[in-house]
Structure formats: C-alpha cells, structure tokens
Amino acid sequence: MHHGKHVRRLNRTSAHRRALFRNLVSALIKNERIETTLPKAKELKKIADKMITIGKKGDFNAKRSAMAYLREHHTTIPILFDTLAPRFANRNGGYTRIQRIGQRYGDNAPMAVIEYIDGKFDLKKEIVKKEIAQVLSPVSGKPLPNLSVQDILAGKGETMGLSRKLQRDIKKVQVSPNAVSLQGDIEAEIAKVSEQMSSTKL
C-alpha cells in the first residue's frame, strides 16, 4: 500500500527513481541550475536542500554520506563542501528556488528551472533586472515618470504602479550577495532594451 507515503513515484520503480535523483542532484551541484519537469523539480528540492545540510557539517562522515549518494565525486564533492556550503553558512534553509518556465513542446509537460540561490547567474536577479528595464526604458511606451533605478530599489515603486510581485522580488534580490552590482546591471539592461526597441522601430 502507498498510504501515508507522500512522495511522487513519477511512474518509475524505486531503483530507477533513486538513480534519477542521484543524477539530477549531481548535475544541480555541478551546474548550480538545471531545467527539468515541475514534479521532478519539487522532489529534487528536498534532496538538494539535504545535500547542503550535509555539506555544512563538513566532517569526515558528512563527506562519506555525500560520496555515497552523489556522482562524479572529483567534481561534485569539492563544489558542495568548498563552494556551496560556505555560501549558505548563515542561512538555515531554503537553499533552492524553483521557477516555472512554461510547457514543454511535444507532450505539454510543465517545465521548471531549479537552482541554488545567490549564484553568479541568479535567475531571480535576471528576471527582476529585465522587468525593471522594461518599465524604465524610455522607448517602452509606458515609462514611469520621474522614477530612477535608485528610487525603485529604495522601495518607492509602490506608489508608482509597480506590481506587488515585482516589489517582493526586488526585496528578495536585495538581501542576496549579488545585490552589490544590481543597480549597474539594471542600468546596463535598460540601455540594452532601449537599443533593441529603437532598432526594431526603425
């Protein structure tokens, strides 16, 4: 019976499912971001977070546990213990983020990107950067009057019609280590968007 076992079986045997998640979590640690189906991403999130917890322990037994589960030890073990674990030293959970990216062509399966947060190419930061650039670009057709990047990052966008979701995402990005270069990245993206829009209108 399957009563009380809250796990997605994904139409696979237990051995196949275990091998699948060992491969996925190894790829996630190696690349810090992978694209997969939404149900797989939701199950993978639990395992990926546990791997960080093991990595933060940092002792011999933790390394043995990680090596027993992960593939490509020469690559994944150093990344887990030397890169990811120190990044999340002051965080007590929520090491991963799932972002839906639509449906897969062919079978219409819901797809998602799962990533370790606060990475070099943080997906949340990329989304926030592009949305603010679209809003503030002078050739977008609906630029916000008298509003700069500094004003938005300071929280003044609430009175100027920015969506609540975007405001929440801005706050999330601002507490990450990547927030140092956020203003410069947004201004560069605004110039890029303005150049693209002006070239398409010509």
N, C-alpha and C. Protein backbone atom coordinates (compact mmCIF):
# COMPACT_ATOMS: atom_id res chain seq x y z
N MET A 1 0.84 -1.21 0.00
CA MET A 1 0.00 0.00 0.00
C MET A 1 0.87 1.26 0.00
N HIS A 2 0.30 2.31 -0.53
CA HIS A 2 1.03 3.58 -0.64
C HIS A 2 0.50 4.60 0.38
N HIS A 3 -0.23 4.14 1.37
CA HIS A 3 -0.84 5.07 2.32
C HIS A 3 0.23 5.78 3.14
N GLY A 4 0.08 7.11 3.26
CA GLY A 4 0.98 7.89 4.12
C GLY A 4 2.37 8.13 3.55
N LYS A 5 2.63 7.67 2.34
CA LYS A 5 3.94 7.87 1.72
C LYS A 5 3.83 9.03 0.73
N HIS A 6 4.17 10.21 1.21
CA HIS A 6 3.97 11.42 0.42
C HIS A 6 5.19 11.67 -0.47
N VAL A 7 5.28 10.89 -1.52
CA VAL A 7 6.39 11.03 -2.46
C VAL A 7 5.84 10.79 -3.86
N ARG A 8 6.31 11.57 -4.82
CA ARG A 8 5.90 11.37 -6.21
C ARG A 8 6.66 10.18 -6.78
N ARG A 9 5.94 9.20 -7.28
CA ARG A 9 6.61 8.00 -7.79
C ARG A 9 7.07 8.17 -9.23
N LEU A 10 6.51 9.15 -9.95
CA LEU A 10 6.98 9.52 -11.29
C LEU A 10 6.94 8.36 -12.28
N ASN A 11 6.06 7.41 -12.03
CA ASN A 11 5.88 6.27 -12.93
C ASN A 11 7.18 5.48 -13.12
N ARG A 12 7.97 5.36 -12.03
CA ARG A 12 9.23 4.65 -12.08
C ARG A 12 9.33 3.69 -10.89
N THR A 13 10.16 2.68 -11.03
CA THR A 13 10.45 1.82 -9.90
C THR A 13 11.32 2.57 -8.90
N SER A 14 11.43 2.05 -7.69
CA SER A 14 12.21 2.74 -6.66
C SER A 14 13.68 2.85 -7.05
N ALA A 15 14.23 1.80 -7.67
CA ALA A 15 15.64 1.84 -8.09
C ALA A 15 15.86 2.87 -9.19
N HIS A 16 14.92 2.90 -10.15
CA HIS A 16 15.02 3.87 -11.25
C HIS A 16 14.88 5.29 -10.71
N ARG A 17 13.96 5.48 -9.77
CA ARG A 17 13.74 6.81 -9.19
C ARG A 17 14.97 7.28 -8.41
N ARG A 18 15.57 6.38 -7.65
CA ARG A 18 16.77 6.75 -6.89
C ARG A 18 17.91 7.13 -7.84
N ALA A 19 18.10 6.34 -8.88
CA ALA A 19 19.16 6.66 -9.85
C ALA A 19 18.90 8.00 -10.53
N LEU A 20 17.63 8.26 -10.85
CA LEU A 20 17.25 9.53 -11.48
C LEU A 20 17.64 10.71 -10.60
N PHE A 21 17.28 10.64 -9.31
CA PHE A 21 17.55 11.77 -8.42
C PHE A 21 19.03 11.90 -8.07
N ARG A 22 19.76 10.79 -8.06
CA ARG A 22 21.20 10.89 -7.86
C ARG A 22 21.84 11.64 -9.02
N ASN A 23 21.39 11.35 -10.23
CA ASN A 23 21.91 12.05 -11.42
C ASN A 23 21.51 13.52 -11.41
N LEU A 24 20.23 13.79 -11.06
CA LEU A 24 19.76 15.17 -11.08
C LEU A 24 20.45 16.04 -10.04
N VAL A 25 20.59 15.53 -8.81
CA VAL A 25 21.21 16.35 -7.77
C VAL A 25 22.70 16.53 -8.04
N SER A 26 23.34 15.54 -8.66
CA SER A 26 24.75 15.70 -9.03
C SER A 26 24.90 16.77 -10.11
N ALA A 27 23.98 16.76 -11.08
CA ALA A 27 24.01 17.79 -12.14
C ALA A 27 23.71 19.17 -11.56
N LEU A 28 22.81 19.23 -10.58
CA LEU A 28 22.46 20.52 -9.97
C LEU A 28 23.65 21.09 -9.21
N ILE A 29 24.34 20.26 -8.45
CA ILE A 29 25.51 20.73 -7.71
C ILE A 29 26.60 21.17 -8.67
N LYS A 30 26.77 20.42 -9.74
CA LYS A 30 27.83 20.72 -10.71
C LYS A 30 27.57 22.03 -11.45
N ASN A 31 26.31 22.27 -11.85
CA ASN A 31 25.98 23.43 -12.68
C ASN A 31 25.25 24.54 -11.94
N GLU A 32 24.77 24.25 -10.73
CA GLU A 32 24.01 25.19 -9.88
C GLU A 32 22.65 25.56 -10.44
N ARG A 33 22.31 25.05 -11.63
CA ARG A 33 20.98 25.30 -12.21
C ARG A 33 20.72 24.25 -13.27
N ILE A 34 19.53 23.62 -13.22
CA ILE A 34 19.15 22.68 -14.26
C ILE A 34 17.69 22.90 -14.63
N GLU A 35 17.33 22.44 -15.80
CA GLU A 35 15.95 22.52 -16.28
C GLU A 35 15.37 21.11 -16.31
N THR A 36 14.19 20.94 -15.71
CA THR A 36 13.53 19.64 -15.67
C THR A 36 12.03 19.86 -15.56
N THR A 37 11.27 18.76 -15.44
CA THR A 37 9.83 18.91 -15.28
C THR A 37 9.51 19.38 -13.87
N LEU A 38 8.37 20.01 -13.70
CA LEU A 38 7.99 20.57 -12.41
C LEU A 38 7.88 19.52 -11.31
N PRO A 39 7.22 18.36 -11.53
CA PRO A 39 7.16 17.35 -10.46
C PRO A 39 8.54 16.85 -10.03
N LYS A 40 9.45 16.67 -11.00
CA LYS A 40 10.81 16.24 -10.65
C LYS A 40 11.52 17.32 -9.84
N ALA A 41 11.33 18.58 -10.24
CA ALA A 41 11.97 19.68 -9.53
C ALA A 41 11.50 19.77 -8.08
N LYS A 42 10.21 19.54 -7.86
CA LYS A 42 9.67 19.62 -6.50
C LYS A 42 10.23 18.51 -5.61
N GLU A 43 10.40 17.32 -6.16
CA GLU A 43 11.00 16.22 -5.39
C GLU A 43 12.50 16.44 -5.22
N LEU A 44 13.15 16.97 -6.25
CA LEU A 44 14.59 17.21 -6.19
C LEU A 44 14.94 18.27 -5.15
N LYS A 45 14.06 19.22 -4.95
CA LYS A 45 14.30 20.32 -3.99
C LYS A 45 14.63 19.78 -2.60
N LYS A 46 13.88 18.75 -2.16
CA LYS A 46 14.12 18.17 -0.82
C LYS A 46 15.52 17.59 -0.72
N ILE A 47 15.92 16.85 -1.76
CA ILE A 47 17.22 16.19 -1.75
C ILE A 47 18.34 17.22 -1.85
N ALA A 48 18.15 18.22 -2.71
CA ALA A 48 19.18 19.25 -2.90
C ALA A 48 19.42 20.04 -1.61
N ASP A 49 18.35 20.34 -0.88
CA ASP A 49 18.50 21.05 0.40
C ASP A 49 19.22 20.18 1.44
N LYS A 50 18.92 18.87 1.44
CA LYS A 50 19.59 17.97 2.37
C LYS A 50 21.09 17.88 2.07
N MET A 51 21.43 17.94 0.80
CA MET A 51 22.85 17.90 0.43
C MET A 51 23.61 19.10 1.00
N ILE A 52 22.97 20.27 0.98
CA ILE A 52 23.61 21.45 1.56
C ILE A 52 23.78 21.29 3.06
N THR A 53 22.78 20.73 3.72
CA THR A 53 22.87 20.48 5.16
C THR A 53 24.05 19.55 5.46
N ILE A 54 24.22 18.51 4.64
CA ILE A 54 25.36 17.61 4.81
C ILE A 54 26.67 18.36 4.56
N GLY A 55 26.67 19.19 3.52
CA GLY A 55 27.87 19.95 3.19
C GLY A 55 28.28 20.92 4.29
N LYS A 56 27.31 21.48 4.99
CA LYS A 56 27.60 22.45 6.05
C LYS A 56 28.21 21.77 7.28
N LYS A 57 27.97 20.47 7.44
CA LYS A 57 28.60 19.76 8.56
C LYS A 57 30.10 19.67 8.34
N GLY A 58 30.50 19.34 7.13
CA GLY A 58 31.90 19.42 6.74
C GLY A 58 32.85 18.40 7.32
N ASP A 59 32.37 17.44 8.10
CA ASP A 59 33.28 16.47 8.70
C ASP A 59 33.46 15.24 7.81
N PHE A 60 34.21 14.28 8.30
CA PHE A 60 34.52 13.09 7.51
C PHE A 60 33.27 12.28 7.19
N ASN A 61 32.41 12.11 8.20
CA ASN A 61 31.18 11.35 7.99
C ASN A 61 30.25 12.03 6.98
N ALA A 62 30.23 13.35 6.98
CA ALA A 62 29.41 14.09 6.02
C ALA A 62 29.92 13.85 4.60
N LYS A 63 31.23 13.84 4.44
CA LYS A 63 31.79 13.60 3.10
C LYS A 63 31.51 12.17 2.63
N ARG A 64 31.55 11.23 3.57
CA ARG A 64 31.22 9.85 3.20
C ARG A 64 29.77 9.74 2.78
N SER A 65 28.87 10.42 3.49
CA SER A 65 27.45 10.39 3.14
C SER A 65 27.21 11.00 1.77
N ALA A 66 27.88 12.12 1.50
CA ALA A 66 27.73 12.79 0.21
C ALA A 66 28.28 11.92 -0.92
N MET A 67 29.41 11.29 -0.70
CA MET A 67 30.01 10.44 -1.73
C MET A 67 29.18 9.20 -2.00
N ALA A 68 28.44 8.74 -0.98
CA ALA A 68 27.59 7.56 -1.17
C ALA A 68 26.39 7.86 -2.06
N TYR A 69 26.04 9.14 -2.17
CA TYR A 69 24.84 9.49 -2.95
C TYR A 69 25.18 10.16 -4.28
N LEU A 70 26.18 11.03 -4.29
CA LEU A 70 26.47 11.83 -5.48
C LEU A 70 27.28 11.07 -6.51
N ARG A 71 27.21 11.51 -7.75
CA ARG A 71 28.04 11.01 -8.84
C ARG A 71 29.20 11.99 -9.05
N GLU A 72 30.16 11.59 -9.87
CA GLU A 72 31.29 12.45 -10.26
C GLU A 72 31.94 13.12 -9.04
N HIS A 73 32.46 12.30 -8.14
CA HIS A 73 32.98 12.80 -6.86
C HIS A 73 34.06 13.85 -7.02
N HIS A 74 34.91 13.71 -8.03
CA HIS A 74 36.02 14.65 -8.19
C HIS A 74 35.53 16.06 -8.51
N THR A 75 34.27 16.17 -8.99
CA THR A 75 33.71 17.49 -9.31
C THR A 75 32.70 17.95 -8.26
N THR A 76 31.76 17.08 -7.92
CA THR A 76 30.64 17.48 -7.06
C THR A 76 31.03 17.69 -5.61
N ILE A 77 31.92 16.84 -5.08
CA ILE A 77 32.29 16.95 -3.66
C ILE A 77 33.00 18.27 -3.35
N PRO A 78 34.02 18.68 -4.14
CA PRO A 78 34.64 19.99 -3.87
C PRO A 78 33.66 21.16 -4.00
N ILE A 79 32.76 21.10 -4.99
CA ILE A 79 31.79 22.19 -5.15
C ILE A 79 30.86 22.25 -3.95
N LEU A 80 30.38 21.08 -3.51
CA LEU A 80 29.44 21.03 -2.38
C LEU A 80 30.07 21.57 -1.10
N PHE A 81 31.28 21.10 -0.77
CA PHE A 81 31.89 21.44 0.52
C PHE A 81 32.68 22.74 0.50
N ASP A 82 33.22 23.13 -0.64
CA ASP A 82 34.09 24.31 -0.69
C ASP A 82 33.41 25.55 -1.27
N THR A 83 32.33 25.35 -2.04
CA THR A 83 31.67 26.50 -2.68
C THR A 83 30.27 26.73 -2.13
N LEU A 84 29.43 25.70 -2.19
CA LEU A 84 28.03 25.87 -1.80
C LEU A 84 27.85 25.97 -0.29
N ALA A 85 28.50 25.11 0.47
CA ALA A 85 28.34 25.12 1.94
C ALA A 85 28.75 26.46 2.56
N PRO A 86 29.91 27.05 2.19
CA PRO A 86 30.24 28.38 2.75
C PRO A 86 29.26 29.46 2.33
N ARG A 87 28.70 29.35 1.11
CA ARG A 87 27.73 30.36 0.65
C ARG A 87 26.51 30.40 1.54
N PHE A 88 26.09 29.24 2.04
CA PHE A 88 24.87 29.17 2.85
C PHE A 88 25.16 29.01 4.34
N ALA A 89 26.35 29.40 4.76
CA ALA A 89 26.73 29.22 6.17
C ALA A 89 25.80 29.95 7.12
N ASN A 90 25.28 31.10 6.73
CA ASN A 90 24.42 31.89 7.60
C ASN A 90 22.94 31.75 7.26
N ARG A 91 22.60 30.77 6.44
CA ARG A 91 21.21 30.53 6.06
C ARG A 91 20.77 29.19 6.61
N ASN A 92 19.57 29.15 7.19
CA ASN A 92 19.09 27.94 7.86
C ASN A 92 18.19 27.07 7.00
N GLY A 93 17.98 27.43 5.77
CA GLY A 93 17.13 26.63 4.89
C GLY A 93 16.78 27.42 3.65
N GLY A 94 16.01 26.80 2.77
CA GLY A 94 15.60 27.48 1.55
C GLY A 94 16.77 27.75 0.63
N TYR A 95 17.56 26.72 0.36
CA TYR A 95 18.76 26.90 -0.44
C TYR A 95 18.47 26.87 -1.94
N THR A 96 17.32 26.35 -2.32
CA THR A 96 17.00 26.21 -3.74
C THR A 96 15.78 27.04 -4.11
N ARG A 97 15.64 27.29 -5.41
CA ARG A 97 14.49 28.04 -5.92
C ARG A 97 13.98 27.34 -7.17
N ILE A 98 12.65 27.24 -7.28
CA ILE A 98 12.03 26.66 -8.47
C ILE A 98 11.31 27.76 -9.22
N GLN A 99 11.59 27.89 -10.50
CA GLN A 99 10.95 28.91 -11.34
C GLN A 99 10.29 28.21 -12.51
N ARG A 100 8.97 28.34 -12.64
CA ARG A 100 8.26 27.73 -13.77
C ARG A 100 8.63 28.45 -15.06
N ILE A 101 8.77 27.68 -16.13
CA ILE A 101 9.14 28.28 -17.42
C ILE A 101 8.20 27.87 -18.54
N GLY A 102 7.00 27.41 -18.20
CA GLY A 102 6.02 27.10 -19.23
C GLY A 102 5.90 25.62 -19.51
N GLN A 103 5.35 25.30 -20.67
CA GLN A 103 5.09 23.92 -21.04
C GLN A 103 6.11 23.43 -22.07
N ARG A 104 6.40 22.13 -22.04
CA ARG A 104 7.35 21.54 -22.97
C ARG A 104 6.67 21.25 -24.30
N TYR A 105 7.33 21.61 -25.38
CA TYR A 105 6.78 21.34 -26.70
C TYR A 105 6.77 19.83 -26.94
N GLY A 106 5.65 19.32 -27.38
CA GLY A 106 5.55 17.89 -27.66
C GLY A 106 4.55 17.21 -26.76
N ASP A 107 4.83 17.16 -25.45
CA ASP A 107 3.90 16.50 -24.53
C ASP A 107 3.24 17.47 -23.56
N ASN A 108 3.55 18.76 -23.68
CA ASN A 108 2.91 19.81 -22.87
C ASN A 108 3.18 19.65 -21.37
N ALA A 109 4.28 19.00 -21.02
CA ALA A 109 4.63 18.81 -19.61
C ALA A 109 5.05 20.15 -19.00
N PRO A 110 4.63 20.43 -17.76
CA PRO A 110 5.07 21.68 -17.10
C PRO A 110 6.55 21.63 -16.79
N MET A 111 7.28 22.64 -17.24
CA MET A 111 8.73 22.68 -17.06
C MET A 111 9.13 23.72 -16.03
N ALA A 112 10.30 23.52 -15.43
CA ALA A 112 10.78 24.45 -14.40
C ALA A 112 12.29 24.45 -14.39
N VAL A 113 12.83 25.55 -13.87
CA VAL A 113 14.27 25.64 -13.60
C VAL A 113 14.44 25.58 -12.09
N ILE A 114 15.31 24.68 -11.62
CA ILE A 114 15.65 24.63 -10.20
C ILE A 114 17.11 25.04 -10.07
N GLU A 115 17.40 25.90 -9.10
CA GLU A 115 18.76 26.41 -8.95
C GLU A 115 19.06 26.64 -7.48
N TYR A 116 20.35 26.64 -7.16
CA TYR A 116 20.81 27.09 -5.85
C TYR A 116 20.84 28.61 -5.87
N ILE A 117 20.21 29.23 -4.89
CA ILE A 117 20.06 30.69 -4.90
C ILE A 117 21.40 31.38 -4.64
N ASP A 118 21.42 32.67 -4.93
CA ASP A 118 22.58 33.54 -4.70
C ASP A 118 23.80 33.15 -5.52
N GLY A 119 23.57 32.45 -6.63
CA GLY A 119 24.68 32.08 -7.50
C GLY A 119 25.09 33.25 -8.39
N LYS A 120 26.10 33.00 -9.19
CA LYS A 120 26.61 34.05 -10.08
C LYS A 120 25.56 34.48 -11.09
N PHE A 121 24.77 33.51 -11.57
CA PHE A 121 23.72 33.82 -12.55
C PHE A 121 22.36 33.51 -11.93
N ASP A 122 22.02 34.25 -10.87
CA ASP A 122 20.77 34.03 -10.15
C ASP A 122 19.58 34.36 -11.04
N LEU A 123 18.68 33.39 -11.24
CA LEU A 123 17.55 33.57 -12.15
C LEU A 123 16.62 34.67 -11.66
N LYS A 124 16.41 34.76 -10.36
CA LYS A 124 15.53 35.80 -9.81
C LYS A 124 16.08 37.19 -10.12
N LYS A 125 17.39 37.34 -10.00
CA LYS A 125 18.02 38.63 -10.30
C LYS A 125 17.86 38.97 -11.78
N GLU A 126 18.01 37.97 -12.65
CA GLU A 126 17.86 38.20 -14.09
C GLU A 126 16.44 38.64 -14.42
N ILE A 127 15.45 38.01 -13.80
CA ILE A 127 14.04 38.36 -14.06
C ILE A 127 13.75 39.77 -13.58
N VAL A 128 14.19 40.10 -12.36
CA VAL A 128 13.97 41.44 -11.81
C VAL A 128 14.65 42.49 -12.68
N LYS A 129 15.86 42.20 -13.11
CA LYS A 129 16.62 43.14 -13.93
C LYS A 129 15.89 43.44 -15.24
N LYS A 130 15.36 42.41 -15.87
CA LYS A 130 14.68 42.59 -17.16
C LYS A 130 13.34 43.30 -16.99
N GLU A 131 12.60 42.98 -15.91
CA GLU A 131 11.30 43.63 -15.69
C GLU A 131 11.46 45.12 -15.40
N ILE A 132 12.45 45.47 -14.57
CA ILE A 132 12.69 46.89 -14.27
C ILE A 132 13.16 47.62 -15.52
N ALA A 133 13.99 46.97 -16.32
CA ALA A 133 14.46 47.59 -17.56
C ALA A 133 13.32 47.85 -18.52
N GLN A 134 12.37 46.91 -18.60
CA GLN A 134 11.20 47.12 -19.46
C GLN A 134 10.37 48.30 -18.99
N VAL A 135 10.24 48.43 -17.67
CA VAL A 135 9.42 49.51 -17.12
C VAL A 135 10.08 50.87 -17.31
N LEU A 136 11.41 50.94 -17.10
CA LEU A 136 12.11 52.23 -17.10
C LEU A 136 12.68 52.62 -18.46
N SER A 137 12.63 51.73 -19.43
CA SER A 137 13.17 52.08 -20.74
C SER A 137 12.39 53.23 -21.35
N PRO A 138 13.06 54.29 -21.79
CA PRO A 138 12.35 55.47 -22.32
C PRO A 138 11.59 55.20 -23.61
N VAL A 139 11.91 54.11 -24.30
CA VAL A 139 11.20 53.81 -25.56
C VAL A 139 10.20 52.67 -25.40
N SER A 140 9.90 52.32 -24.14
CA SER A 140 8.97 51.22 -23.91
C SER A 140 7.52 51.63 -24.14
N GLY A 141 7.27 52.93 -24.20
CA GLY A 141 5.90 53.39 -24.41
C GLY A 141 5.19 53.79 -23.14
N LYS A 142 5.56 53.17 -22.01
CA LYS A 142 4.95 53.50 -20.73
C LYS A 142 6.01 53.63 -19.64
N PRO A 143 6.96 54.54 -19.82
CA PRO A 143 7.96 54.71 -18.76
C PRO A 143 7.34 55.37 -17.53
N LEU A 144 7.84 55.01 -16.36
CA LEU A 144 7.33 55.63 -15.12
C LEU A 144 7.93 57.02 -14.99
N PRO A 145 7.10 58.03 -14.75
CA PRO A 145 7.61 59.41 -14.68
C PRO A 145 8.46 59.66 -13.44
N ASN A 146 9.59 60.33 -13.64
CA ASN A 146 10.45 60.78 -12.55
C ASN A 146 10.83 59.65 -11.60
N LEU A 147 11.06 58.48 -12.14
CA LEU A 147 11.43 57.35 -11.29
C LEU A 147 12.74 56.76 -11.82
N SER A 148 13.72 56.65 -10.94
CA SER A 148 15.02 56.11 -11.33
C SER A 148 15.20 54.71 -10.75
N VAL A 149 16.30 54.10 -11.12
CA VAL A 149 16.61 52.77 -10.58
C VAL A 149 16.79 52.83 -9.07
N GLN A 150 17.44 53.90 -8.60
CA GLN A 150 17.65 54.05 -7.15
C GLN A 150 16.32 54.15 -6.42
N ASP A 151 15.35 54.87 -7.00
CA ASP A 151 14.03 55.01 -6.37
C ASP A 151 13.34 53.66 -6.24
N ILE A 152 13.41 52.86 -7.30
CA ILE A 152 12.76 51.54 -7.28
C ILE A 152 13.42 50.64 -6.25
N LEU A 153 14.75 50.64 -6.21
CA LEU A 153 15.46 49.80 -5.25
C LEU A 153 15.25 50.28 -3.82
N ALA A 154 14.90 51.56 -3.66
CA ALA A 154 14.63 52.10 -2.33
C ALA A 154 13.19 51.86 -1.88
N GLY A 155 12.37 51.26 -2.77
CA GLY A 155 11.00 50.92 -2.39
C GLY A 155 9.97 51.95 -2.76
N LYS A 156 10.31 52.92 -3.63
CA LYS A 156 9.36 53.97 -3.99
C LYS A 156 8.46 53.56 -5.15
N GLY A 157 8.62 52.36 -5.67
CA GLY A 157 7.81 51.92 -6.80
C GLY A 157 6.39 51.59 -6.43
N GLU A 158 6.11 51.43 -5.12
CA GLU A 158 4.77 51.05 -4.68
C GLU A 158 3.73 52.08 -5.08
N THR A 159 4.10 53.36 -4.98
CA THR A 159 3.15 54.43 -5.30
C THR A 159 3.13 54.73 -6.80
N MET A 160 4.01 54.10 -7.56
CA MET A 160 4.11 54.41 -8.98
C MET A 160 3.56 53.31 -9.88
N GLY A 161 2.89 52.33 -9.28
CA GLY A 161 2.20 51.32 -10.08
C GLY A 161 2.96 50.05 -10.37
N LEU A 162 4.10 49.82 -9.71
CA LEU A 162 4.79 48.56 -9.89
C LEU A 162 3.99 47.43 -9.25
N SER A 163 4.01 46.27 -9.86
CA SER A 163 3.25 45.14 -9.32
C SER A 163 3.83 44.70 -7.97
N ARG A 164 2.97 44.13 -7.13
CA ARG A 164 3.42 43.67 -5.82
C ARG A 164 4.44 42.54 -5.95
N LYS A 165 4.22 41.69 -6.93
CA LYS A 165 5.16 40.57 -7.13
C LYS A 165 6.56 41.09 -7.44
N LEU A 166 6.65 42.10 -8.32
CA LEU A 166 7.95 42.66 -8.66
C LEU A 166 8.59 43.30 -7.43
N GLN A 167 7.78 43.98 -6.62
CA GLN A 167 8.32 44.61 -5.41
C GLN A 167 8.85 43.56 -4.43
N ARG A 168 8.14 42.44 -4.31
CA ARG A 168 8.60 41.35 -3.44
C ARG A 168 9.90 40.76 -3.97
N ASP A 169 9.96 40.58 -5.30
CA ASP A 169 11.17 40.01 -5.91
C ASP A 169 12.37 40.93 -5.72
N ILE A 170 12.14 42.24 -5.80
CA ILE A 170 13.23 43.20 -5.60
C ILE A 170 13.79 43.06 -4.19
N LYS A 171 12.91 42.91 -3.20
CA LYS A 171 13.36 42.76 -1.81
C LYS A 171 14.16 41.48 -1.63
N LYS A 172 13.72 40.41 -2.30
CA LYS A 172 14.45 39.13 -2.20
C LYS A 172 15.85 39.25 -2.79
N VAL A 173 15.94 39.92 -3.92
CA VAL A 173 17.24 40.06 -4.58
C VAL A 173 18.17 40.94 -3.77
N GLN A 174 17.62 41.96 -3.11
CA GLN A 174 18.45 42.90 -2.38
C GLN A 174 19.16 42.29 -1.17
N VAL A 175 18.61 41.20 -0.62
CA VAL A 175 19.27 40.57 0.53
C VAL A 175 20.29 39.52 0.10
N SER A 176 20.45 39.31 -1.20
CA SER A 176 21.42 38.32 -1.68
C SER A 176 22.78 38.98 -1.87
N PRO A 177 23.85 38.17 -1.89
CA PRO A 177 25.20 38.74 -2.11
C PRO A 177 25.34 39.40 -3.48
N ASN A 178 24.46 39.08 -4.42
CA ASN A 178 24.55 39.65 -5.77
C ASN A 178 24.00 41.07 -5.86
N ALA A 179 23.46 41.59 -4.75
CA ALA A 179 22.83 42.91 -4.78
C ALA A 179 23.83 44.03 -4.98
N VAL A 180 25.12 43.76 -4.79
CA VAL A 180 26.15 44.80 -4.90
C VAL A 180 26.15 45.43 -6.28
N SER A 181 26.04 44.60 -7.30
CA SER A 181 26.11 45.10 -8.68
C SER A 181 24.73 45.27 -9.31
N LEU A 182 23.66 45.20 -8.49
CA LEU A 182 22.30 45.19 -9.04
C LEU A 182 21.98 46.47 -9.82
N GLN A 183 22.29 47.64 -9.24
CA GLN A 183 21.94 48.90 -9.89
C GLN A 183 22.66 49.04 -11.24
N GLY A 184 23.95 48.75 -11.26
CA GLY A 184 24.70 48.84 -12.51
C GLY A 184 24.20 47.87 -13.56
N ASP A 185 23.82 46.65 -13.12
CA ASP A 185 23.30 45.65 -14.06
C ASP A 185 21.97 46.10 -14.65
N ILE A 186 21.12 46.70 -13.82
CA ILE A 186 19.82 47.18 -14.31
C ILE A 186 20.01 48.31 -15.32
N GLU A 187 20.90 49.24 -15.01
CA GLU A 187 21.14 50.36 -15.93
C GLU A 187 21.70 49.87 -17.26
N ALA A 188 22.57 48.86 -17.21
CA ALA A 188 23.10 48.28 -18.45
C ALA A 188 21.99 47.59 -19.23
N GLU A 189 21.08 46.92 -18.52
CA GLU A 189 19.97 46.24 -19.18
C GLU A 189 19.01 47.25 -19.81
N ILE A 190 18.78 48.40 -19.14
CA ILE A 190 17.91 49.46 -19.69
C ILE A 190 18.48 49.96 -21.00
N ALA A 191 19.79 50.21 -21.03
CA ALA A 191 20.43 50.67 -22.27
C ALA A 191 20.30 49.62 -23.37
N LYS A 192 20.43 48.36 -23.00
CA LYS A 192 20.31 47.27 -23.97
C LYS A 192 18.90 47.17 -24.53
N VAL A 193 17.89 47.26 -23.63
CA VAL A 193 16.48 47.18 -24.06
C VAL A 193 16.13 48.37 -24.93
N SER A 194 16.57 49.56 -24.54
CA SER A 194 16.29 50.77 -25.32
C SER A 194 16.88 50.67 -26.72
N GLU A 195 18.10 50.13 -26.80
CA GLU A 195 18.76 49.98 -28.10
C GLU A 195 18.01 48.98 -28.99
N GLN A 196 17.54 47.88 -28.38
CA GLN A 196 16.80 46.86 -29.13
C GLN A 196 15.47 47.42 -29.64
N MET A 197 14.76 48.14 -28.75
CA MET A 197 13.45 48.67 -29.13
C MET A 197 13.57 49.73 -30.20
N SER A 198 14.58 50.60 -30.07
CA SER A 198 14.76 51.65 -31.07
C SER A 198 15.16 51.06 -32.43
N SER A 199 15.93 49.97 -32.43
CA SER A 199 16.33 49.36 -33.69
C SER A 199 15.19 48.65 -34.37
N THR A 200 14.24 48.08 -33.57
CA THR A 200 13.10 47.41 -34.16
C THR A 200 12.10 48.40 -34.73
N LYS A 201 12.04 49.62 -34.18
CA LYS A 201 11.11 50.63 -34.68
C LYS A 201 11.58 51.25 -35.97
N LEU A 202 12.89 51.17 -36.24
CA LEU A 202 13.43 51.79 -37.46
C LEU A 202 13.10 50.97 -38.71
